[in-house]
Amino acid sequence: MEDSIPEEATADPNAPSSEDATMSTTILEPPPSVPANPTAADPYFFGWRYVTRWHNGTPKSERIPLTEWDVLHPQEEDFIVHNDAHDQNTIYLKIALLQHFEGRADIKVLHDHRVDWQVQGIIPHGPDVSVFDGLKTAWDPDLGTFMVKEMNARPLLVVEVTSPTTRNKDLSVKVTEYFKSGIPFYLIVDRQNDEEQAYVKLLAYRTTPEGFVLMDEDPQRGVWIPTVRLWFKGEGEWIACYSADGTKLLDPVELGAQMRRERQRADQETQRADQEKQRADEAIALADAQRSELELLRQKLREAEERTKNA
């Protein structure tokens, strides 16, 4: 199977140099062209954040609605509304990637976490899943923003799982901004619905000197992402990951079922071993009893022979 895996992509020659890269500045308010309240019926449709405002000299925490622009460029501790299908796919991806990179201290897998690429002109994003390598500094998990260049990190992959409300951004502006951020591979898990059922369609981009270009998808195995060495495949309405040898990386439910089966097999083996030991102990006890009985018979025979001699 390895023979058919595409060659690894080369580094992006258009990625900004360390001299050009600067820490991006958090923008607290969207540009004036962005509507402040895009959903009048439900101002908290996209989510919310808490801000501190002063009233008559007293600080007061207020909840304010997020806009679509805020979802594209979140602040720390924003609450962004997601649906259950979206969460199941993104959580699976993080767990699968963590399984795949188990033991790799230089790899970081983030889920729904704010990332500052520290590239001039690029405002931080909050990708559904992002993968980095090259970490030489211990990451503080209490931090709300991953500073890419400060962590000496190199992006390997960014994945977005579409939702009806944010799909257009995933398919358009993020393609442009992720390329400018130096992302080598951008995978979109595009969840769609037809008249009968939901399904996911994969759109995978790789970087080239001219920009992102769409990658081909193998009809049987899906899309191969060389930087993480995994196949990504849509299976109905869910995303699945496979290693190079075709082994599927299990989701939490499948992992739990596998662990239960392994425990059951271990319990059965222990029970069989106990039964074998019990049978062995019984056989030893029986043999001991038979030896004792035989020795008793021999003793009686010797006594009888002795009495015959003396008669």
C-alpha atoms as a PDB file:
ATOM      1  CA  MET A   1       0.000   0.000   0.000  1.00  0.00           C
ATOM      2  CA  GLU A   2       2.904   2.321   0.691  1.00  0.00           C
ATOM      3  CA  ASP A   3       3.939   2.208  -2.975  1.00  0.00           C
ATOM      4  CA  SER A   4       0.899   4.229  -4.048  1.00  0.00           C
ATOM      5  CA  ILE A   5       1.287   7.033  -1.488  1.00  0.00           C
ATOM      6  CA  PRO A   6       1.971  10.412  -3.091  1.00  0.00           C
ATOM      7  CA  GLU A   7       5.277  12.163  -2.557  1.00  0.00           C
ATOM      8  CA  GLU A   8       5.564  14.573   0.352  1.00  0.00           C
ATOM      9  CA  ALA A   9       4.793  18.179  -0.510  1.00  0.00           C
ATOM     10  CA  THR A  10       7.613  20.663  -0.524  1.00  0.00           C
ATOM     11  CA  ALA A  11       7.752  23.656   1.785  1.00  0.00           C
ATOM     12  CA  ASP A  12       5.874  26.752   0.727  1.00  0.00           C
ATOM     13  CA  PRO A  13       8.341  29.123  -0.998  1.00  0.00           C
ATOM     14  CA  ASN A  14       5.904  31.989  -0.486  1.00  0.00           C
ATOM     15  CA  ALA A  15       5.711  31.536   3.279  1.00  0.00           C
ATOM     16  CA  PRO A  16       6.923  34.666   5.112  1.00  0.00           C
ATOM     17  CA  SER A  17      10.457  34.612   6.457  1.00  0.00           C
ATOM     18  CA  SER A  18      11.209  35.016  10.128  1.00  0.00           C
ATOM     19  CA  GLU A  19      12.233  38.605   9.384  1.00  0.00           C
ATOM     20  CA  ASP A  20       8.845  39.349   7.825  1.00  0.00           C
ATOM     21  CA  ALA A  21       6.793  37.562  10.481  1.00  0.00           C
ATOM     22  CA  THR A  22       5.512  39.635  13.376  1.00  0.00           C
ATOM     23  CA  MET A  23       3.091  38.986  16.155  1.00  0.00           C
ATOM     24  CA  SER A  24      -0.387  39.846  14.921  1.00  0.00           C
ATOM     25  CA  THR A  25      -2.415  42.268  16.992  1.00  0.00           C
ATOM     26  CA  THR A  26      -5.717  41.148  18.430  1.00  0.00           C
ATOM     27  CA  ILE A  27      -8.494  43.276  16.973  1.00  0.00           C
ATOM     28  CA  LEU A  28     -11.242  43.718  19.525  1.00  0.00           C
ATOM     29  CA  GLU A  29     -13.832  45.060  17.124  1.00  0.00           C
ATOM     30  CA  PRO A  30     -14.568  43.994  13.516  1.00  0.00           C
ATOM     31  CA  PRO A  31     -14.129  46.409  10.636  1.00  0.00           C
ATOM     32  CA  PRO A  32     -16.986  48.907  10.187  1.00  0.00           C
ATOM     33  CA  SER A  33     -18.270  46.975   7.164  1.00  0.00           C
ATOM     34  CA  VAL A  34     -19.152  43.939   9.314  1.00  0.00           C
ATOM     35  CA  PRO A  35     -22.736  43.978  10.645  1.00  0.00           C
ATOM     36  CA  ALA A  36     -22.800  44.216  14.438  1.00  0.00           C
ATOM     37  CA  ASN A  37     -25.888  42.027  14.688  1.00  0.00           C
ATOM     38  CA  PRO A  38     -26.359  39.753  11.660  1.00  0.00           C
ATOM     39  CA  THR A  39     -29.219  37.758  13.210  1.00  0.00           C
ATOM     40  CA  ALA A  40     -31.783  40.061  14.737  1.00  0.00           C
ATOM     41  CA  ALA A  41     -34.120  37.182  15.658  1.00  0.00           C
ATOM     42  CA  ASP A  42     -31.386  35.583  17.792  1.00  0.00           C
ATOM     43  CA  PRO A  43     -28.503  37.943  18.578  1.00  0.00           C
ATOM     44  CA  TYR A  44     -26.555  35.059  20.149  1.00  0.00           C
ATOM     45  CA  PHE A  45     -26.924  32.792  17.107  1.00  0.00           C
ATOM     46  CA  PHE A  46     -23.143  32.635  16.533  1.00  0.00           C
ATOM     47  CA  GLY A  47     -22.234  32.761  20.225  1.00  0.00           C
ATOM     48  CA  TRP A  48     -21.214  35.339  22.784  1.00  0.00           C
ATOM     49  CA  ARG A  49     -18.420  36.826  24.847  1.00  0.00           C
ATOM     50  CA  TYR A  50     -18.326  38.666  28.149  1.00  0.00           C
ATOM     51  CA  VAL A  51     -16.822  42.134  28.333  1.00  0.00           C
ATOM     52  CA  THR A  52     -16.333  44.474  31.257  1.00  0.00           C
ATOM     53  CA  ARG A  53     -17.956  47.868  30.958  1.00  0.00           C
ATOM     54  CA  TRP A  54     -18.069  50.692  33.449  1.00  0.00           C
ATOM     55  CA  HIS A  55     -21.360  52.128  34.685  1.00  0.00           C
ATOM     56  CA  ASN A  56     -21.187  55.108  36.997  1.00  0.00           C
ATOM     57  CA  GLY A  57     -17.694  54.135  38.063  1.00  0.00           C
ATOM     58  CA  THR A  58     -18.578  50.486  38.688  1.00  0.00           C
ATOM     59  CA  PRO A  59     -17.304  47.626  36.467  1.00  0.00           C
ATOM     60  CA  LYS A  60     -20.030  45.345  35.155  1.00  0.00           C
ATOM     61  CA  SER A  61     -19.701  42.176  33.088  1.00  0.00           C
ATOM     62  CA  GLU A  62     -21.960  42.153  30.057  1.00  0.00           C
ATOM     63  CA  ARG A  63     -22.661  39.423  27.525  1.00  0.00           C
ATOM     64  CA  ILE A  64     -22.448  40.604  23.926  1.00  0.00           C
ATOM     65  CA  PRO A  65     -23.329  38.624  20.786  1.00  0.00           C
ATOM     66  CA  LEU A  66     -20.707  37.397  18.355  1.00  0.00           C
ATOM     67  CA  THR A  67     -20.826  38.132  14.646  1.00  0.00           C
ATOM     68  CA  GLU A  68     -19.724  35.902  11.792  1.00  0.00           C
ATOM     69  CA  TRP A  69     -16.521  37.934  11.698  1.00  0.00           C
ATOM     70  CA  ASP A  70     -15.913  37.120  15.376  1.00  0.00           C
ATOM     71  CA  VAL A  71     -16.255  33.405  14.639  1.00  0.00           C
ATOM     72  CA  LEU A  72     -13.618  33.776  11.918  1.00  0.00           C
ATOM     73  CA  HIS A  73     -11.304  35.696  14.268  1.00  0.00           C
ATOM     74  CA  PRO A  74     -12.234  34.695  17.838  1.00  0.00           C
ATOM     75  CA  GLN A  75     -10.950  36.103  21.083  1.00  0.00           C
ATOM     76  CA  GLU A  76      -9.971  33.979  24.048  1.00  0.00           C
ATOM     77  CA  GLU A  77     -12.912  32.551  26.017  1.00  0.00           C
ATOM     78  CA  ASP A  78     -15.465  33.281  23.292  1.00  0.00           C
ATOM     79  CA  PHE A  79     -18.357  30.837  23.360  1.00  0.00           C
ATOM     80  CA  ILE A  80     -19.054  29.774  19.778  1.00  0.00           C
ATOM     81  CA  VAL A  81     -22.195  27.755  19.069  1.00  0.00           C
ATOM     82  CA  HIS A  82     -21.635  24.383  17.362  1.00  0.00           C
ATOM     83  CA  ASN A  83     -24.003  21.563  16.503  1.00  0.00           C
ATOM     84  CA  ASP A  84     -23.604  17.969  17.710  1.00  0.00           C
ATOM     85  CA  ALA A  85     -22.601  16.518  14.332  1.00  0.00           C
ATOM     86  CA  HIS A  86     -19.855  19.128  14.040  1.00  0.00           C
ATOM     87  CA  ASP A  87     -18.555  18.289  17.517  1.00  0.00           C
ATOM     88  CA  GLN A  88     -18.553  14.541  16.882  1.00  0.00           C
ATOM     89  CA  ASN A  89     -16.432  14.948  13.752  1.00  0.00           C
ATOM     90  CA  THR A  90     -13.976  17.427  15.261  1.00  0.00           C
ATOM     91  CA  ILE A  91     -13.561  15.526  18.534  1.00  0.00           C
ATOM     92  CA  TYR A  92     -12.950  12.316  16.582  1.00  0.00           C
ATOM     93  CA  LEU A  93     -10.271  14.046  14.520  1.00  0.00           C
ATOM     94  CA  LYS A  94      -8.417  15.271  17.588  1.00  0.00           C
ATOM     95  CA  ILE A  95      -8.557  11.880  19.313  1.00  0.00           C
ATOM     96  CA  ALA A  96      -7.483  10.067  16.140  1.00  0.00           C
ATOM     97  CA  LEU A  97      -4.539  12.418  15.652  1.00  0.00           C
ATOM     98  CA  LEU A  98      -3.532  12.075  19.307  1.00  0.00           C
ATOM     99  CA  GLN A  99      -3.568   8.286  18.898  1.00  0.00           C
ATOM    100  CA  HIS A 100      -1.501   8.569  15.740  1.00  0.00           C
ATOM    101  CA  PHE A 101       1.127  10.816  17.345  1.00  0.00           C
ATOM    102  CA  GLU A 102       1.234   9.126  20.744  1.00  0.00           C
ATOM    103  CA  GLY A 103       4.615   9.627  22.376  1.00  0.00           C
ATOM    104  CA  ARG A 104       5.634  12.522  20.106  1.00  0.00           C
ATOM    105  CA  ALA A 105       6.467  15.407  22.451  1.00  0.00           C
ATOM    106  CA  ASP A 106       7.312  17.639  19.484  1.00  0.00           C
ATOM    107  CA  ILE A 107       3.771  17.371  18.060  1.00  0.00           C
ATOM    108  CA  LYS A 108       0.812  19.443  19.216  1.00  0.00           C
ATOM    109  CA  VAL A 109      -2.791  18.732  18.223  1.00  0.00           C
ATOM    110  CA  LEU A 110      -5.297  21.467  19.041  1.00  0.00           C
ATOM    111  CA  HIS A 111      -9.082  21.414  18.845  1.00  0.00           C
ATOM    112  CA  ASP A 112     -11.172  24.583  18.592  1.00  0.00           C
ATOM    113  CA  HIS A 113      -8.238  26.578  19.932  1.00  0.00           C
ATOM    114  CA  ARG A 114      -7.217  30.125  19.092  1.00  0.00           C
ATOM    115  CA  VAL A 115      -4.040  30.211  16.987  1.00  0.00           C
ATOM    116  CA  ASP A 116      -1.913  33.280  16.318  1.00  0.00           C
ATOM    117  CA  TRP A 117       0.205  32.451  13.272  1.00  0.00           C
ATOM    118  CA  GLN A 118       2.316  35.525  13.994  1.00  0.00           C
ATOM    119  CA  VAL A 119       2.286  36.413  10.319  1.00  0.00           C
ATOM    120  CA  GLN A 120       2.010  40.057   9.399  1.00  0.00           C
ATOM    121  CA  GLY A 121      -1.491  41.017   8.306  1.00  0.00           C
ATOM    122  CA  ILE A 122      -3.139  37.780   9.523  1.00  0.00           C
ATOM    123  CA  ILE A 123      -5.514  38.000  12.472  1.00  0.00           C
ATOM    124  CA  PRO A 124      -5.666  34.903  14.744  1.00  0.00           C
ATOM    125  CA  HIS A 125      -8.085  32.119  13.827  1.00  0.00           C
ATOM    126  CA  GLY A 126      -9.777  29.349  15.792  1.00  0.00           C
ATOM    127  CA  PRO A 127      -9.428  26.234  13.585  1.00  0.00           C
ATOM    128  CA  ASP A 128     -11.517  23.191  14.393  1.00  0.00           C
ATOM    129  CA  VAL A 129      -8.341  21.082  14.374  1.00  0.00           C
ATOM    130  CA  SER A 130      -4.729  22.158  13.883  1.00  0.00           C
ATOM    131  CA  VAL A 131      -1.528  20.117  13.998  1.00  0.00           C
ATOM    132  CA  PHE A 132       2.010  21.408  14.564  1.00  0.00           C
ATOM    133  CA  ASP A 133       5.446  19.881  14.906  1.00  0.00           C
ATOM    134  CA  GLY A 134       8.877  21.146  15.868  1.00  0.00           C
ATOM    135  CA  LEU A 135       7.879  22.263  19.365  1.00  0.00           C
ATOM    136  CA  LYS A 136      11.023  22.870  21.401  1.00  0.00           C
ATOM    137  CA  THR A 137       9.305  24.725  24.221  1.00  0.00           C
ATOM    138  CA  ALA A 138       6.914  23.137  26.703  1.00  0.00           C
ATOM    139  CA  TRP A 139       3.363  24.241  25.948  1.00  0.00           C
ATOM    140  CA  ASP A 140       1.336  25.706  28.828  1.00  0.00           C
ATOM    141  CA  PRO A 141      -2.167  24.158  28.453  1.00  0.00           C
ATOM    142  CA  ASP A 142      -3.713  27.002  30.451  1.00  0.00           C
ATOM    143  CA  LEU A 143      -2.932  29.498  27.683  1.00  0.00           C
ATOM    144  CA  GLY A 144      -5.826  30.485  25.446  1.00  0.00           C
ATOM    145  CA  THR A 145      -3.779  31.342  22.350  1.00  0.00           C
ATOM    146  CA  PHE A 146      -1.148  29.199  20.639  1.00  0.00           C
ATOM    147  CA  MET A 147       1.641  31.501  19.441  1.00  0.00           C
ATOM    148  CA  VAL A 148       3.121  29.617  16.506  1.00  0.00           C
ATOM    149  CA  LYS A 149       6.518  31.241  16.112  1.00  0.00           C
ATOM    150  CA  GLU A 150       7.075  31.728  19.836  1.00  0.00           C
ATOM    151  CA  MET A 151       6.569  27.965  20.197  1.00  0.00           C
ATOM    152  CA  ASN A 152       9.036  27.294  17.348  1.00  0.00           C
ATOM    153  CA  ALA A 153       6.132  25.379  15.790  1.00  0.00           C
ATOM    154  CA  ARG A 154       5.597  24.442  12.161  1.00  0.00           C
ATOM    155  CA  PRO A 155       2.022  23.968  10.906  1.00  0.00           C
ATOM    156  CA  LEU A 156       1.374  20.538   9.406  1.00  0.00           C
ATOM    157  CA  LEU A 157      -2.370  20.594   8.818  1.00  0.00           C
ATOM    158  CA  VAL A 158      -5.504  22.608   9.510  1.00  0.00           C
ATOM    159  CA  VAL A 159      -8.964  21.012   9.351  1.00  0.00           C
ATOM    160  CA  GLU A 160     -12.314  22.780   9.309  1.00  0.00           C
ATOM    161  CA  VAL A 161     -15.625  20.922   9.589  1.00  0.00           C
ATOM    162  CA  THR A 162     -18.345  22.990   7.975  1.00  0.00           C
ATOM    163  CA  SER A 163     -21.538  24.122   9.642  1.00  0.00           C
ATOM    164  CA  PRO A 164     -24.435  25.752   7.774  1.00  0.00           C
ATOM    165  CA  THR A 165     -23.725  29.150   9.345  1.00  0.00           C
ATOM    166  CA  THR A 166     -19.970  29.290   8.702  1.00  0.00           C
ATOM    167  CA  ARG A 167     -19.533  27.106   5.623  1.00  0.00           C
ATOM    168  CA  ASN A 168     -19.020  30.025   3.250  1.00  0.00           C
ATOM    169  CA  LYS A 169     -16.057  31.285   5.302  1.00  0.00           C
ATOM    170  CA  ASP A 170     -14.470  27.817   5.413  1.00  0.00           C
ATOM    171  CA  LEU A 171     -14.731  27.539   1.629  1.00  0.00           C
ATOM    172  CA  SER A 172     -13.623  31.049   0.728  1.00  0.00           C
ATOM    173  CA  VAL A 173     -11.835  33.490   3.007  1.00  0.00           C
ATOM    174  CA  LYS A 174     -10.094  30.804   5.062  1.00  0.00           C
ATOM    175  CA  VAL A 175      -8.600  29.295   1.913  1.00  0.00           C
ATOM    176  CA  THR A 176      -6.914  32.616   1.262  1.00  0.00           C
ATOM    177  CA  GLU A 177      -5.923  33.373   4.840  1.00  0.00           C
ATOM    178  CA  TYR A 178      -4.616  29.899   5.651  1.00  0.00           C
ATOM    179  CA  PHE A 179      -2.414  29.989   2.550  1.00  0.00           C
ATOM    180  CA  LYS A 180      -1.021  33.350   3.634  1.00  0.00           C
ATOM    181  CA  SER A 181      -0.434  31.901   7.112  1.00  0.00           C
ATOM    182  CA  GLY A 182       1.906  29.253   5.681  1.00  0.00           C
ATOM    183  CA  ILE A 183      -0.373  26.227   6.150  1.00  0.00           C
ATOM    184  CA  PRO A 184       0.929  23.399   3.907  1.00  0.00           C
ATOM    185  CA  PHE A 185      -2.354  21.442   3.855  1.00  0.00           C
ATOM    186  CA  TYR A 186      -5.893  22.626   4.516  1.00  0.00           C
ATOM    187  CA  LEU A 187      -8.611  19.977   4.742  1.00  0.00           C
ATOM    188  CA  ILE A 188     -12.302  20.891   4.654  1.00  0.00           C
ATOM    189  CA  VAL A 189     -14.762  18.279   5.903  1.00  0.00           C
ATOM    190  CA  ASP A 190     -17.815  19.623   4.131  1.00  0.00           C
ATOM    191  CA  ARG A 191     -20.921  18.179   5.782  1.00  0.00           C
ATOM    192  CA  GLN A 192     -23.899  18.256   3.458  1.00  0.00           C
ATOM    193  CA  ASN A 193     -27.465  16.967   3.393  1.00  0.00           C
ATOM    194  CA  ASP A 194     -29.435  15.560   0.511  1.00  0.00           C
ATOM    195  CA  GLU A 195     -33.070  14.499   0.562  1.00  0.00           C
ATOM    196  CA  GLU A 196     -32.290  11.159   2.202  1.00  0.00           C
ATOM    197  CA  GLN A 197     -29.277  11.533   4.475  1.00  0.00           C
ATOM    198  CA  ALA A 198     -26.285  13.583   5.570  1.00  0.00           C
ATOM    199  CA  TYR A 199     -22.821  12.926   4.201  1.00  0.00           C
ATOM    200  CA  VAL A 200     -19.372  14.507   4.208  1.00  0.00           C
ATOM    201  CA  LYS A 201     -17.385  15.547   1.176  1.00  0.00           C
ATOM    202  CA  LEU A 202     -13.669  16.243   1.475  1.00  0.00           C
ATOM    203  CA  LEU A 203     -11.933  19.247  -0.052  1.00  0.00           C
ATOM    204  CA  ALA A 204      -8.172  19.109   0.464  1.00  0.00           C
ATOM    205  CA  TYR A 205      -5.804  21.915  -0.488  1.00  0.00           C
ATOM    206  CA  ARG A 206      -2.032  21.792  -0.728  1.00  0.00           C
ATOM    207  CA  THR A 207       0.182  24.799  -0.998  1.00  0.00           C
ATOM    208  CA  THR A 208       1.981  25.747  -4.217  1.00  0.00           C
ATOM    209  CA  PRO A 209       3.900  28.880  -5.228  1.00  0.00           C
ATOM    210  CA  GLU A 210       0.706  30.140  -6.886  1.00  0.00           C
ATOM    211  CA  GLY A 211      -1.573  29.415  -3.909  1.00  0.00           C
ATOM    212  CA  PHE A 212      -3.665  26.519  -2.665  1.00  0.00           C
ATOM    213  CA  VAL A 213      -4.673  23.889  -5.219  1.00  0.00           C
ATOM    214  CA  LEU A 214      -7.226  21.121  -4.753  1.00  0.00           C
ATOM    215  CA  MET A 215      -5.861  17.617  -4.260  1.00  0.00           C
ATOM    216  CA  ASP A 216      -7.147  14.451  -5.889  1.00  0.00           C
ATOM    217  CA  GLU A 217      -9.122  11.999  -3.774  1.00  0.00           C
ATOM    218  CA  ASP A 218      -8.644   8.249  -4.044  1.00  0.00           C
ATOM    219  CA  PRO A 219     -12.156   6.736  -4.449  1.00  0.00           C
ATOM    220  CA  GLN A 220     -11.292   3.884  -2.094  1.00  0.00           C
ATOM    221  CA  ARG A 221      -8.940   5.406   0.472  1.00  0.00           C
ATOM    222  CA  GLY A 222      -9.784   9.103   0.496  1.00  0.00           C
ATOM    223  CA  VAL A 223      -7.214  11.910   0.728  1.00  0.00           C
ATOM    224  CA  TRP A 224      -3.612  11.311   1.754  1.00  0.00           C
ATOM    225  CA  ILE A 225      -2.051  14.144   3.816  1.00  0.00           C
ATOM    226  CA  PRO A 226       1.714  13.521   3.782  1.00  0.00           C
ATOM    227  CA  THR A 227       2.646  15.903   6.600  1.00  0.00           C
ATOM    228  CA  VAL A 228       0.679  13.772   9.081  1.00  0.00           C
ATOM    229  CA  ARG A 229       0.916  10.509   7.081  1.00  0.00           C
ATOM    230  CA  LEU A 230      -2.771   9.673   7.306  1.00  0.00           C
ATOM    231  CA  TRP A 231      -5.629   8.940   4.929  1.00  0.00           C
ATOM    232  CA  PHE A 232      -8.800  10.975   5.542  1.00  0.00           C
ATOM    233  CA  LYS A 233     -12.027   9.501   4.233  1.00  0.00           C
ATOM    234  CA  GLY A 234     -15.701  10.412   4.424  1.00  0.00           C
ATOM    235  CA  GLU A 235     -17.833   7.509   5.622  1.00  0.00           C
ATOM    236  CA  GLY A 236     -21.446   8.588   5.441  1.00  0.00           C
ATOM    237  CA  GLU A 237     -21.863  11.656   7.596  1.00  0.00           C
ATOM    238  CA  TRP A 238     -18.611  11.062   9.511  1.00  0.00           C
ATOM    239  CA  ILE A 239     -14.919  11.518   8.857  1.00  0.00           C
ATOM    240  CA  ALA A 240     -12.512   8.594   9.341  1.00  0.00           C
ATOM    241  CA  CYS A 241      -8.718   8.425   9.532  1.00  0.00           C
ATOM    242  CA  TYR A 242      -6.570   5.509   8.363  1.00  0.00           C
ATOM    243  CA  SER A 243      -2.860   4.890   8.800  1.00  0.00           C
ATOM    244  CA  ALA A 244      -0.637   4.136   5.819  1.00  0.00           C
ATOM    245  CA  ASP A 245      -1.200   0.382   6.231  1.00  0.00           C
ATOM    246  CA  GLY A 246      -4.981   0.814   6.166  1.00  0.00           C
ATOM    247  CA  THR A 247      -5.626   0.560   9.932  1.00  0.00           C
ATOM    248  CA  LYS A 248      -8.545   2.715  11.047  1.00  0.00           C
ATOM    249  CA  LEU A 249      -8.037   5.058  13.979  1.00  0.00           C
ATOM    250  CA  LEU A 250     -10.989   4.434  16.259  1.00  0.00           C
ATOM    251  CA  ASP A 251     -13.396   6.978  17.696  1.00  0.00           C
ATOM    252  CA  PRO A 252     -14.104   7.129  21.473  1.00  0.00           C
ATOM    253  CA  VAL A 253     -17.093   4.763  21.250  1.00  0.00           C
ATOM    254  CA  GLU A 254     -15.119   2.262  19.168  1.00  0.00           C
ATOM    255  CA  LEU A 255     -12.152   2.579  21.511  1.00  0.00           C
ATOM    256  CA  GLY A 256     -14.405   1.905  24.487  1.00  0.00           C
ATOM    257  CA  ALA A 257     -15.910  -1.139  22.774  1.00  0.00           C
ATOM    258  CA  GLN A 258     -12.422  -2.406  21.895  1.00  0.00           C
ATOM    259  CA  MET A 259     -11.272  -1.984  25.485  1.00  0.00           C
ATOM    260  CA  ARG A 260     -14.338  -3.840  26.756  1.00  0.00           C
ATOM    261  CA  ARG A 261     -13.662  -6.696  24.319  1.00  0.00           C
ATOM    262  CA  GLU A 262     -10.032  -6.828  25.386  1.00  0.00           C
ATOM    263  CA  ARG A 263     -11.040  -6.855  29.068  1.00  0.00           C
ATOM    264  CA  GLN A 264     -13.578  -9.592  28.349  1.00  0.00           C
ATOM    265  CA  ARG A 265     -10.935 -11.652  26.544  1.00  0.00           C
ATOM    266  CA  ALA A 266      -8.500 -11.070  29.421  1.00  0.00           C
ATOM    267  CA  ASP A 267     -11.169 -12.108  31.952  1.00  0.00           C
ATOM    268  CA  GLN A 268     -11.928 -15.212  29.911  1.00  0.00           C
ATOM    269  CA  GLU A 269      -8.228 -16.082  29.703  1.00  0.00           C
ATOM    270  CA  THR A 270      -7.899 -15.563  33.451  1.00  0.00           C
ATOM    271  CA  GLN A 271     -10.948 -17.750  34.050  1.00  0.00           C
ATOM    272  CA  ARG A 272      -9.562 -20.452  31.753  1.00  0.00           C
ATOM    273  CA  ALA A 273      -6.192 -20.257  33.489  1.00  0.00           C
ATOM    274  CA  ASP A 274      -7.891 -20.564  36.901  1.00  0.00           C
ATOM    275  CA  GLN A 275      -9.866 -23.556  35.681  1.00  0.00           C
ATOM    276  CA  GLU A 276      -6.737 -25.192  34.282  1.00  0.00           C
ATOM    277  CA  LYS A 277      -4.933 -24.574  37.563  1.00  0.00           C
ATOM    278  CA  GLN A 278      -7.858 -26.024  39.500  1.00  0.00           C
ATOM    279  CA  ARG A 279      -7.863 -29.115  37.268  1.00  0.00           C
ATOM    280  CA  ALA A 280      -4.099 -29.438  37.658  1.00  0.00           C
ATOM    281  CA  ASP A 281      -4.368 -29.102  41.438  1.00  0.00           C
ATOM    282  CA  GLU A 282      -7.124 -31.721  41.494  1.00  0.00           C
ATOM    283  CA  ALA A 283      -5.013 -34.049  39.339  1.00  0.00           C
ATOM    284  CA  ILE A 284      -2.038 -33.595  41.653  1.00  0.00           C
ATOM    285  CA  ALA A 285      -4.229 -34.222  44.693  1.00  0.00           C
ATOM    286  CA  LEU A 286      -5.662 -37.350  43.063  1.00  0.00           C
ATOM    287  CA  ALA A 287      -2.178 -38.595  42.171  1.00  0.00           C
ATOM    288  CA  ASP A 288      -1.013 -37.968  45.738  1.00  0.00           C
ATOM    289  CA  ALA A 289      -4.013 -39.858  47.078  1.00  0.00           C
ATOM    290  CA  GLN A 290      -3.379 -42.743  44.700  1.00  0.00           C
ATOM    291  CA  ARG A 291       0.294 -42.864  45.701  1.00  0.00           C
ATOM    292  CA  SER A 292      -0.692 -42.900  49.353  1.00  0.00           C
ATOM    293  CA  GLU A 293      -3.199 -45.668  48.739  1.00  0.00           C
ATOM    294  CA  LEU A 294      -0.638 -47.678  46.776  1.00  0.00           C
ATOM    295  CA  GLU A 295       1.949 -47.237  49.487  1.00  0.00           C
ATOM    296  CA  LEU A 296      -0.598 -48.384  52.072  1.00  0.00           C
ATOM    297  CA  LEU A 297      -1.326 -51.505  50.010  1.00  0.00           C
ATOM    298  CA  ARG A 298       2.372 -52.211  49.688  1.00  0.00           C
ATOM    299  CA  GLN A 299       2.812 -51.850  53.436  1.00  0.00           C
ATOM    300  CA  LYS A 300      -0.025 -54.259  54.084  1.00  0.00           C
ATOM    301  CA  LEU A 301       1.495 -56.724  51.613  1.00  0.00           C
ATOM    302  CA  ARG A 302       4.871 -56.543  53.335  1.00  0.00           C
ATOM    303  CA  GLU A 303       3.233 -57.116  56.718  1.00  0.00           C
ATOM    304  CA  ALA A 304       1.333 -60.099  55.324  1.00  0.00           C
ATOM    305  CA  GLU A 305       4.532 -61.565  53.899  1.00  0.00           C
ATOM    306  CA  GLU A 306       6.271 -61.055  57.213  1.00  0.00           C
ATOM    307  CA  ARG A 307       3.518 -62.848  59.109  1.00  0.00           C
ATOM    308  CA  THR A 308       3.691 -65.745  56.621  1.00  0.00           C
ATOM    309  CA  LYS A 309       7.431 -66.126  57.261  1.00  0.00           C
ATOM    310  CA  ASN A 310       6.975 -66.157  60.986  1.00  0.00           C
ATOM    311  CA  ALA A 311       4.073 -68.651  60.960  1.00  0.00           C
END
